[in-house]
Amino acid sequence: MKLIRFEREEKINFGIIQGDKVQALRGPPTEPLHLEELWPLGEVTLLAPILPSKIIAVGLNYRGHAKELSLKTTSDEPLIFLKPPSALNGPEQPILLPEMSQRVDFEGELAVVLGQRAKNLSEAEASKAILGYSCFNDVTARDLQFKDVQFTRAKAFDTFACLGPWIETELDPKDLKIETRVNGEVKQSARTSEMVFSVPRILSFISRIMTLEAGDVVITGTPSGVGPLENGDTVEVTIEGIGTLSNPVLHVE
């Protein structure tokens, strides 16, 4: 099942994709589903499919990416950081390059969307807390990341948390192909089986630090191949079993 959030005639709703149509929902998909109107998919604009209270990211979860940044991975526990919900960006919406940075990179990632409140999960319990999965672009001001030594400013600019195009609820995340393209050229290509920490391990670890709320998004790290974005580029993140998240790139006016 593909869950979306969409705009139609200046009204925003959640919905389910049914072939070439959209079945609107009365409320968010983290609540019991109540079906409403049915509209043609071509008549709606897709938005980021969920509104999280927080976005929790895992850094250096692919050894190849750590190596290309000359950073050391850890096999003991995940490295986590936060992206603000204000950075959320939807499919086909522009990534805005800030004047403050001279090097903004793409980072294609698998996103996990929580379906319920969760605290102190075991790895065995983690799958029960998941609503589904989506594509994510963890856009990063790389020069500011190295300058600041920590991640907050580099990861937090408006439009730097691209999510979509929908949430796929019927998916096994263990071994999915993930690919990032810029202007049609493949820049990243890997499989989620290469992650240092699995999805259950990540959710269990995070839930023992902070309470996860329904709708929260956990992003699971990016493979090697990250690189800069320029004004006029189009960046696409494709994950097997989900689909493609596409965003144009523009300078801030």
C-alpha atoms as a PDB file:
ATOM      1  CA  MET A   1       0.000   0.000   0.000  1.00  0.00           C
ATOM      2  CA  LYS A   2       1.293   3.429  -0.979  1.00  0.00           C
ATOM      3  CA  LEU A   3       0.362   6.192   1.473  1.00  0.00           C
ATOM      4  CA  ILE A   4       0.576   9.793   0.329  1.00  0.00           C
ATOM      5  CA  ARG A   5      -0.066  13.334   1.439  1.00  0.00           C
ATOM      6  CA  PHE A   6      -1.375  15.556  -1.317  1.00  0.00           C
ATOM      7  CA  GLU A   7      -2.863  18.900  -2.257  1.00  0.00           C
ATOM      8  CA  ARG A   8      -5.960  19.316  -4.390  1.00  0.00           C
ATOM      9  CA  GLU A   9      -7.830  22.590  -4.926  1.00  0.00           C
ATOM     10  CA  GLU A  10      -5.824  24.227  -2.116  1.00  0.00           C
ATOM     11  CA  LYS A  11      -6.820  21.506   0.358  1.00  0.00           C
ATOM     12  CA  ILE A  12      -4.312  19.064   1.872  1.00  0.00           C
ATOM     13  CA  ASN A  13      -5.225  15.458   2.648  1.00  0.00           C
ATOM     14  CA  PHE A  14      -3.640  12.098   3.281  1.00  0.00           C
ATOM     15  CA  GLY A  15      -4.525   9.295   0.912  1.00  0.00           C
ATOM     16  CA  ILE A  16      -3.849   5.890  -0.614  1.00  0.00           C
ATOM     17  CA  ILE A  17      -2.819   5.348  -4.229  1.00  0.00           C
ATOM     18  CA  GLN A  18      -5.248   2.980  -5.945  1.00  0.00           C
ATOM     19  CA  GLY A  19      -3.897   2.400  -9.443  1.00  0.00           C
ATOM     20  CA  ASP A  20      -4.293   5.716 -11.281  1.00  0.00           C
ATOM     21  CA  LYS A  21      -6.523   7.169  -8.555  1.00  0.00           C
ATOM     22  CA  VAL A  22      -6.157   8.549  -5.041  1.00  0.00           C
ATOM     23  CA  GLN A  23      -8.423   7.456  -2.184  1.00  0.00           C
ATOM     24  CA  ALA A  24      -8.503  10.294   0.340  1.00  0.00           C
ATOM     25  CA  LEU A  25      -8.304   9.568   4.071  1.00  0.00           C
ATOM     26  CA  ARG A  26     -10.140  11.388   6.843  1.00  0.00           C
ATOM     27  CA  GLY A  27      -6.968  11.678   8.945  1.00  0.00           C
ATOM     28  CA  PRO A  28      -3.275  10.724   8.967  1.00  0.00           C
ATOM     29  CA  PRO A  29      -2.296   7.133   8.147  1.00  0.00           C
ATOM     30  CA  THR A  30      -0.966   6.634  11.679  1.00  0.00           C
ATOM     31  CA  GLU A  31      -4.623   6.526  12.799  1.00  0.00           C
ATOM     32  CA  PRO A  32      -7.326   3.988  11.804  1.00  0.00           C
ATOM     33  CA  LEU A  33      -8.007   4.438   8.091  1.00  0.00           C
ATOM     34  CA  HIS A  34     -11.331   6.043   7.130  1.00  0.00           C
ATOM     35  CA  LEU A  35     -11.793   6.265   3.364  1.00  0.00           C
ATOM     36  CA  GLU A  36     -13.301   9.326   1.701  1.00  0.00           C
ATOM     37  CA  GLU A  37     -13.383  10.729  -1.870  1.00  0.00           C
ATOM     38  CA  LEU A  38     -11.666   9.097  -4.836  1.00  0.00           C
ATOM     39  CA  TRP A  39      -9.835  11.364  -7.311  1.00  0.00           C
ATOM     40  CA  PRO A  40      -7.637  10.874 -10.392  1.00  0.00           C
ATOM     41  CA  LEU A  41      -3.951  10.812  -9.445  1.00  0.00           C
ATOM     42  CA  GLY A  42      -3.250  13.378 -12.158  1.00  0.00           C
ATOM     43  CA  GLU A  43      -5.401  15.951 -10.364  1.00  0.00           C
ATOM     44  CA  VAL A  44      -3.335  16.031  -7.156  1.00  0.00           C
ATOM     45  CA  THR A  45       0.092  17.376  -6.165  1.00  0.00           C
ATOM     46  CA  LEU A  46       2.181  15.046  -4.021  1.00  0.00           C
ATOM     47  CA  LEU A  47       3.662  16.491  -0.842  1.00  0.00           C
ATOM     48  CA  ALA A  48       6.047  15.018   1.724  1.00  0.00           C
ATOM     49  CA  PRO A  49       3.973  11.975   2.775  1.00  0.00           C
ATOM     50  CA  ILE A  50       4.104  12.537   6.555  1.00  0.00           C
ATOM     51  CA  LEU A  51       4.659  15.411   9.016  1.00  0.00           C
ATOM     52  CA  PRO A  52       7.146  14.109  11.592  1.00  0.00           C
ATOM     53  CA  SER A  53       7.696  15.608  15.022  1.00  0.00           C
ATOM     54  CA  LYS A  54      11.387  14.830  14.448  1.00  0.00           C
ATOM     55  CA  ILE A  55      13.746  13.375  11.866  1.00  0.00           C
ATOM     56  CA  ILE A  56      16.449  11.164  13.347  1.00  0.00           C
ATOM     57  CA  ALA A  57      19.406  10.351  11.133  1.00  0.00           C
ATOM     58  CA  VAL A  58      22.105   7.705  11.311  1.00  0.00           C
ATOM     59  CA  GLY A  59      25.546   8.826  10.174  1.00  0.00           C
ATOM     60  CA  LEU A  60      28.295   6.695   8.613  1.00  0.00           C
ATOM     61  CA  ASN A  61      26.108   3.598   8.302  1.00  0.00           C
ATOM     62  CA  TYR A  62      27.837   2.507   5.080  1.00  0.00           C
ATOM     63  CA  ARG A  63      31.578   1.929   5.384  1.00  0.00           C
ATOM     64  CA  GLY A  64      32.203   3.207   1.857  1.00  0.00           C
ATOM     65  CA  HIS A  65      30.722   6.606   2.706  1.00  0.00           C
ATOM     66  CA  ALA A  66      32.803   6.877   5.881  1.00  0.00           C
ATOM     67  CA  LYS A  67      35.906   6.050   3.852  1.00  0.00           C
ATOM     68  CA  GLU A  68      35.225   8.699   1.201  1.00  0.00           C
ATOM     69  CA  LEU A  69      34.891  11.340   3.957  1.00  0.00           C
ATOM     70  CA  SER A  70      37.994  10.027   5.754  1.00  0.00           C
ATOM     71  CA  LEU A  71      35.907   9.340   8.847  1.00  0.00           C
ATOM     72  CA  LYS A  72      35.925   6.277  11.061  1.00  0.00           C
ATOM     73  CA  THR A  73      32.883   4.037  11.472  1.00  0.00           C
ATOM     74  CA  THR A  74      31.977   2.353  14.723  1.00  0.00           C
ATOM     75  CA  SER A  75      30.697  -1.194  15.069  1.00  0.00           C
ATOM     76  CA  ASP A  76      29.509  -0.694  18.657  1.00  0.00           C
ATOM     77  CA  GLU A  77      26.512   1.624  18.273  1.00  0.00           C
ATOM     78  CA  PRO A  78      24.961   3.908  15.657  1.00  0.00           C
ATOM     79  CA  LEU A  79      25.999   7.540  15.328  1.00  0.00           C
ATOM     80  CA  ILE A  80      22.816   9.623  15.378  1.00  0.00           C
ATOM     81  CA  PHE A  81      21.876  13.250  14.824  1.00  0.00           C
ATOM     82  CA  LEU A  82      18.687  15.246  14.222  1.00  0.00           C
ATOM     83  CA  LYS A  83      17.330  17.165  11.260  1.00  0.00           C
ATOM     84  CA  PRO A  84      14.629  19.740  12.053  1.00  0.00           C
ATOM     85  CA  PRO A  85      11.094  19.196  10.737  1.00  0.00           C
ATOM     86  CA  SER A  86      11.352  22.690   9.210  1.00  0.00           C
ATOM     87  CA  ALA A  87      13.803  21.220   6.656  1.00  0.00           C
ATOM     88  CA  LEU A  88      11.120  18.865   5.288  1.00  0.00           C
ATOM     89  CA  ASN A  89      10.736  18.950   1.518  1.00  0.00           C
ATOM     90  CA  GLY A  90       8.420  17.005  -0.772  1.00  0.00           C
ATOM     91  CA  PRO A  91       8.724  15.360  -4.194  1.00  0.00           C
ATOM     92  CA  GLU A  92       9.379  17.699  -7.134  1.00  0.00           C
ATOM     93  CA  GLN A  93       9.939  20.605  -4.720  1.00  0.00           C
ATOM     94  CA  PRO A  94      13.203  22.545  -5.170  1.00  0.00           C
ATOM     95  CA  ILE A  95      16.266  22.087  -3.008  1.00  0.00           C
ATOM     96  CA  LEU A  96      17.417  25.646  -2.284  1.00  0.00           C
ATOM     97  CA  LEU A  97      21.177  26.201  -2.208  1.00  0.00           C
ATOM     98  CA  PRO A  98      21.974  28.656   0.618  1.00  0.00           C
ATOM     99  CA  GLU A  99      24.423  31.519   0.128  1.00  0.00           C
ATOM    100  CA  MET A 100      26.161  30.465   3.351  1.00  0.00           C
ATOM    101  CA  SER A 101      27.521  27.279   1.760  1.00  0.00           C
ATOM    102  CA  GLN A 102      29.763  26.680  -1.249  1.00  0.00           C
ATOM    103  CA  ARG A 103      29.348  22.879  -1.300  1.00  0.00           C
ATOM    104  CA  VAL A 104      25.934  21.231  -0.952  1.00  0.00           C
ATOM    105  CA  ASP A 105      25.855  17.447  -1.373  1.00  0.00           C
ATOM    106  CA  PHE A 106      23.143  14.874  -2.112  1.00  0.00           C
ATOM    107  CA  GLU A 107      22.805  11.806   0.141  1.00  0.00           C
ATOM    108  CA  GLY A 108      20.287   9.178  -0.939  1.00  0.00           C
ATOM    109  CA  GLU A 109      18.882   7.118   1.951  1.00  0.00           C
ATOM    110  CA  LEU A 110      16.177   4.684   3.022  1.00  0.00           C
ATOM    111  CA  ALA A 111      13.674   6.343   5.372  1.00  0.00           C
ATOM    112  CA  VAL A 112      11.684   4.469   8.017  1.00  0.00           C
ATOM    113  CA  VAL A 113       8.348   5.970   9.112  1.00  0.00           C
ATOM    114  CA  LEU A 114       7.004   5.113  12.564  1.00  0.00           C
ATOM    115  CA  GLY A 115       3.395   4.036  12.821  1.00  0.00           C
ATOM    116  CA  GLN A 116       3.016   4.275  16.591  1.00  0.00           C
ATOM    117  CA  ARG A 117       4.572   5.666  19.725  1.00  0.00           C
ATOM    118  CA  ALA A 118       7.610   3.601  20.693  1.00  0.00           C
ATOM    119  CA  LYS A 119       9.980   3.506  23.645  1.00  0.00           C
ATOM    120  CA  ASN A 120      12.601   0.924  24.658  1.00  0.00           C
ATOM    121  CA  LEU A 121      11.969  -1.347  21.685  1.00  0.00           C
ATOM    122  CA  SER A 122      13.771  -4.634  21.380  1.00  0.00           C
ATOM    123  CA  GLU A 123      15.025  -5.496  17.904  1.00  0.00           C
ATOM    124  CA  ALA A 124      12.311  -8.153  17.677  1.00  0.00           C
ATOM    125  CA  GLU A 125       9.632  -5.544  18.443  1.00  0.00           C
ATOM    126  CA  ALA A 126      10.888  -2.931  15.970  1.00  0.00           C
ATOM    127  CA  SER A 127       8.955  -4.130  12.901  1.00  0.00           C
ATOM    128  CA  LYS A 128       5.641  -3.777  14.745  1.00  0.00           C
ATOM    129  CA  ALA A 129       6.286  -0.056  15.239  1.00  0.00           C
ATOM    130  CA  ILE A 130       6.944   0.671  11.544  1.00  0.00           C
ATOM    131  CA  LEU A 131       4.286   2.186   9.285  1.00  0.00           C
ATOM    132  CA  GLY A 132       6.401   1.887   6.154  1.00  0.00           C
ATOM    133  CA  TYR A 133       9.380   3.077   4.139  1.00  0.00           C
ATOM    134  CA  SER A 134      10.185   5.955   1.810  1.00  0.00           C
ATOM    135  CA  CYS A 135      13.021   7.571  -0.146  1.00  0.00           C
ATOM    136  CA  PHE A 136      15.035  10.357   1.464  1.00  0.00           C
ATOM    137  CA  ASN A 137      17.675  12.842   0.348  1.00  0.00           C
ATOM    138  CA  ASP A 138      19.691  14.002   3.363  1.00  0.00           C
ATOM    139  CA  VAL A 139      20.960  17.183   1.690  1.00  0.00           C
ATOM    140  CA  THR A 140      24.125  18.413   3.423  1.00  0.00           C
ATOM    141  CA  ALA A 141      26.218  21.586   3.332  1.00  0.00           C
ATOM    142  CA  ARG A 142      29.479  19.628   3.310  1.00  0.00           C
ATOM    143  CA  ASP A 143      31.807  22.592   3.776  1.00  0.00           C
ATOM    144  CA  LEU A 144      29.881  23.695   6.864  1.00  0.00           C
ATOM    145  CA  GLN A 145      29.843  20.152   8.245  1.00  0.00           C
ATOM    146  CA  PHE A 146      33.645  20.051   8.173  1.00  0.00           C
ATOM    147  CA  LYS A 147      33.949  23.634   9.402  1.00  0.00           C
ATOM    148  CA  ASP A 148      31.624  23.138  12.387  1.00  0.00           C
ATOM    149  CA  VAL A 149      32.830  19.597  13.205  1.00  0.00           C
ATOM    150  CA  GLN A 150      29.259  18.667  14.098  1.00  0.00           C
ATOM    151  CA  PHE A 151      26.221  18.256  11.886  1.00  0.00           C
ATOM    152  CA  THR A 152      23.484  20.665  12.976  1.00  0.00           C
ATOM    153  CA  ARG A 153      23.971  23.657  10.682  1.00  0.00           C
ATOM    154  CA  ALA A 154      25.040  21.562   7.689  1.00  0.00           C
ATOM    155  CA  LYS A 155      21.916  19.390   7.835  1.00  0.00           C
ATOM    156  CA  ALA A 156      19.298  21.916   8.928  1.00  0.00           C
ATOM    157  CA  PHE A 157      18.675  24.374   6.096  1.00  0.00           C
ATOM    158  CA  ASP A 158      15.118  24.643   4.809  1.00  0.00           C
ATOM    159  CA  THR A 159      14.454  22.108   1.978  1.00  0.00           C
ATOM    160  CA  PHE A 160      17.363  19.839   3.109  1.00  0.00           C
ATOM    161  CA  ALA A 161      15.120  16.914   4.144  1.00  0.00           C
ATOM    162  CA  CYS A 162      13.563  15.576   0.943  1.00  0.00           C
ATOM    163  CA  LEU A 163      11.043  12.774   1.585  1.00  0.00           C
ATOM    164  CA  GLY A 164       8.752  10.830  -0.743  1.00  0.00           C
ATOM    165  CA  PRO A 165       7.138  10.249  -3.080  1.00  0.00           C
ATOM    166  CA  TRP A 166       5.046   8.054  -0.754  1.00  0.00           C
ATOM    167  CA  ILE A 167       5.252   5.595   2.130  1.00  0.00           C
ATOM    168  CA  GLU A 168       5.343   1.965   1.031  1.00  0.00           C
ATOM    169  CA  THR A 169       3.878  -0.256   3.758  1.00  0.00           C
ATOM    170  CA  GLU A 170       4.603  -3.668   2.223  1.00  0.00           C
ATOM    171  CA  LEU A 171       8.378  -3.929   2.082  1.00  0.00           C
ATOM    172  CA  ASP A 172      11.259  -5.879   3.591  1.00  0.00           C
ATOM    173  CA  PRO A 173      14.174  -3.436   4.062  1.00  0.00           C
ATOM    174  CA  LYS A 174      16.953  -6.021   4.430  1.00  0.00           C
ATOM    175  CA  ASP A 175      18.333  -6.027   0.877  1.00  0.00           C
ATOM    176  CA  LEU A 176      17.032  -3.254  -1.376  1.00  0.00           C
ATOM    177  CA  LYS A 177      18.884  -1.553  -4.205  1.00  0.00           C
ATOM    178  CA  ILE A 178      19.329   2.176  -3.552  1.00  0.00           C
ATOM    179  CA  GLU A 179      20.488   4.513  -6.295  1.00  0.00           C
ATOM    180  CA  THR A 180      21.004   8.265  -6.611  1.00  0.00           C
ATOM    181  CA  ARG A 181      21.196  10.025  -9.980  1.00  0.00           C
ATOM    182  CA  VAL A 182      22.042  13.629 -10.818  1.00  0.00           C
ATOM    183  CA  ASN A 183      20.814  14.770 -14.242  1.00  0.00           C
ATOM    184  CA  GLY A 184      20.319  11.100 -15.105  1.00  0.00           C
ATOM    185  CA  GLU A 185      23.877  10.039 -14.213  1.00  0.00           C
ATOM    186  CA  VAL A 186      24.226   7.386 -11.505  1.00  0.00           C
ATOM    187  CA  LYS A 187      26.225   8.725  -8.561  1.00  0.00           C
ATOM    188  CA  GLN A 188      25.354   6.260  -5.795  1.00  0.00           C
ATOM    189  CA  SER A 189      24.467   2.585  -6.134  1.00  0.00           C
ATOM    190  CA  ALA A 190      24.370   0.126  -3.239  1.00  0.00           C
ATOM    191  CA  ARG A 191      22.139  -2.288  -1.346  1.00  0.00           C
ATOM    192  CA  THR A 192      20.675  -1.827   2.112  1.00  0.00           C
ATOM    193  CA  SER A 193      22.260  -5.152   3.088  1.00  0.00           C
ATOM    194  CA  GLU A 194      25.550  -3.205   3.166  1.00  0.00           C
ATOM    195  CA  MET A 195      24.418  -1.084   6.123  1.00  0.00           C
ATOM    196  CA  VAL A 196      26.534  -1.429   9.263  1.00  0.00           C
ATOM    197  CA  PHE A 197      23.417  -1.376  11.462  1.00  0.00           C
ATOM    198  CA  SER A 198      20.102  -2.921  10.402  1.00  0.00           C
ATOM    199  CA  VAL A 199      16.738  -1.169  10.655  1.00  0.00           C
ATOM    200  CA  PRO A 200      15.691  -3.140  13.797  1.00  0.00           C
ATOM    201  CA  ARG A 201      19.038  -2.373  15.469  1.00  0.00           C
ATOM    202  CA  ILE A 202      18.709   1.334  14.647  1.00  0.00           C
ATOM    203  CA  LEU A 203      15.128   1.638  15.933  1.00  0.00           C
ATOM    204  CA  SER A 204      15.905  -0.279  19.102  1.00  0.00           C
ATOM    205  CA  PHE A 205      18.932   1.926  19.803  1.00  0.00           C
ATOM    206  CA  ILE A 206      17.138   5.230  19.178  1.00  0.00           C
ATOM    207  CA  SER A 207      14.034   4.233  21.156  1.00  0.00           C
ATOM    208  CA  ARG A 208      16.194   3.659  24.220  1.00  0.00           C
ATOM    209  CA  ILE A 209      17.332   7.299  23.997  1.00  0.00           C
ATOM    210  CA  MET A 210      14.188   9.174  22.979  1.00  0.00           C
ATOM    211  CA  THR A 211      10.525   8.334  22.611  1.00  0.00           C
ATOM    212  CA  LEU A 212       9.573   7.872  18.977  1.00  0.00           C
ATOM    213  CA  GLU A 213       6.184   9.289  18.015  1.00  0.00           C
ATOM    214  CA  ALA A 214       3.830   8.081  15.299  1.00  0.00           C
ATOM    215  CA  GLY A 215       4.909   9.751  12.071  1.00  0.00           C
ATOM    216  CA  ASP A 216       8.537  10.259  13.090  1.00  0.00           C
ATOM    217  CA  VAL A 217      11.096   9.564  10.381  1.00  0.00           C
ATOM    218  CA  VAL A 218      14.351   7.672  10.877  1.00  0.00           C
ATOM    219  CA  ILE A 219      16.870   7.831   8.031  1.00  0.00           C
ATOM    220  CA  THR A 220      19.393   5.046   7.820  1.00  0.00           C
ATOM    221  CA  GLY A 221      22.564   6.473   6.277  1.00  0.00           C
ATOM    222  CA  THR A 222      23.916   6.990   2.777  1.00  0.00           C
ATOM    223  CA  PRO A 223      26.225   4.861   0.611  1.00  0.00           C
ATOM    224  CA  SER A 224      29.444   6.087  -0.996  1.00  0.00           C
ATOM    225  CA  GLY A 225      29.326   8.357  -4.021  1.00  0.00           C
ATOM    226  CA  VAL A 226      28.018  11.575  -2.466  1.00  0.00           C
ATOM    227  CA  GLY A 227      28.792  14.732  -4.401  1.00  0.00           C
ATOM    228  CA  PRO A 228      27.870  18.363  -4.998  1.00  0.00           C
ATOM    229  CA  LEU A 229      24.671  19.795  -6.396  1.00  0.00           C
ATOM    230  CA  GLU A 230      24.565  22.821  -8.669  1.00  0.00           C
ATOM    231  CA  ASN A 231      21.876  25.288  -9.678  1.00  0.00           C
ATOM    232  CA  GLY A 232      19.688  23.697 -12.356  1.00  0.00           C
ATOM    233  CA  ASP A 233      20.453  20.078 -11.429  1.00  0.00           C
ATOM    234  CA  THR A 234      17.798  17.420 -10.912  1.00  0.00           C
ATOM    235  CA  VAL A 235      18.558  14.806  -8.248  1.00  0.00           C
ATOM    236  CA  GLU A 236      16.699  11.486  -8.003  1.00  0.00           C
ATOM    237  CA  VAL A 237      16.766   8.856  -5.257  1.00  0.00           C
ATOM    238  CA  THR A 238      15.356   5.480  -6.302  1.00  0.00           C
ATOM    239  CA  ILE A 239      14.843   2.575  -3.898  1.00  0.00           C
ATOM    240  CA  GLU A 240      13.756  -0.872  -5.013  1.00  0.00           C
ATOM    241  CA  GLY A 241      10.162  -1.593  -4.041  1.00  0.00           C
ATOM    242  CA  ILE A 242       9.374   2.055  -3.297  1.00  0.00           C
ATOM    243  CA  GLY A 243       9.933   4.309  -6.303  1.00  0.00           C
ATOM    244  CA  THR A 244      11.747   7.540  -7.132  1.00  0.00           C
ATOM    245  CA  LEU A 245      12.031  10.821  -5.242  1.00  0.00           C
ATOM    246  CA  SER A 246      12.964  13.644  -7.608  1.00  0.00           C
ATOM    247  CA  ASN A 247      13.903  17.247  -6.751  1.00  0.00           C
ATOM    248  CA  PRO A 248      15.216  20.175  -8.824  1.00  0.00           C
ATOM    249  CA  VAL A 249      18.016  22.311  -7.413  1.00  0.00           C
ATOM    250  CA  LEU A 250      17.911  26.112  -7.255  1.00  0.00           C
ATOM    251  CA  HIS A 251      19.975  28.927  -5.754  1.00  0.00           C
ATOM    252  CA  VAL A 252      18.229  30.872  -2.989  1.00  0.00           C
ATOM    253  CA  GLU A 253      16.982  34.137  -4.457  1.00  0.00           C
END
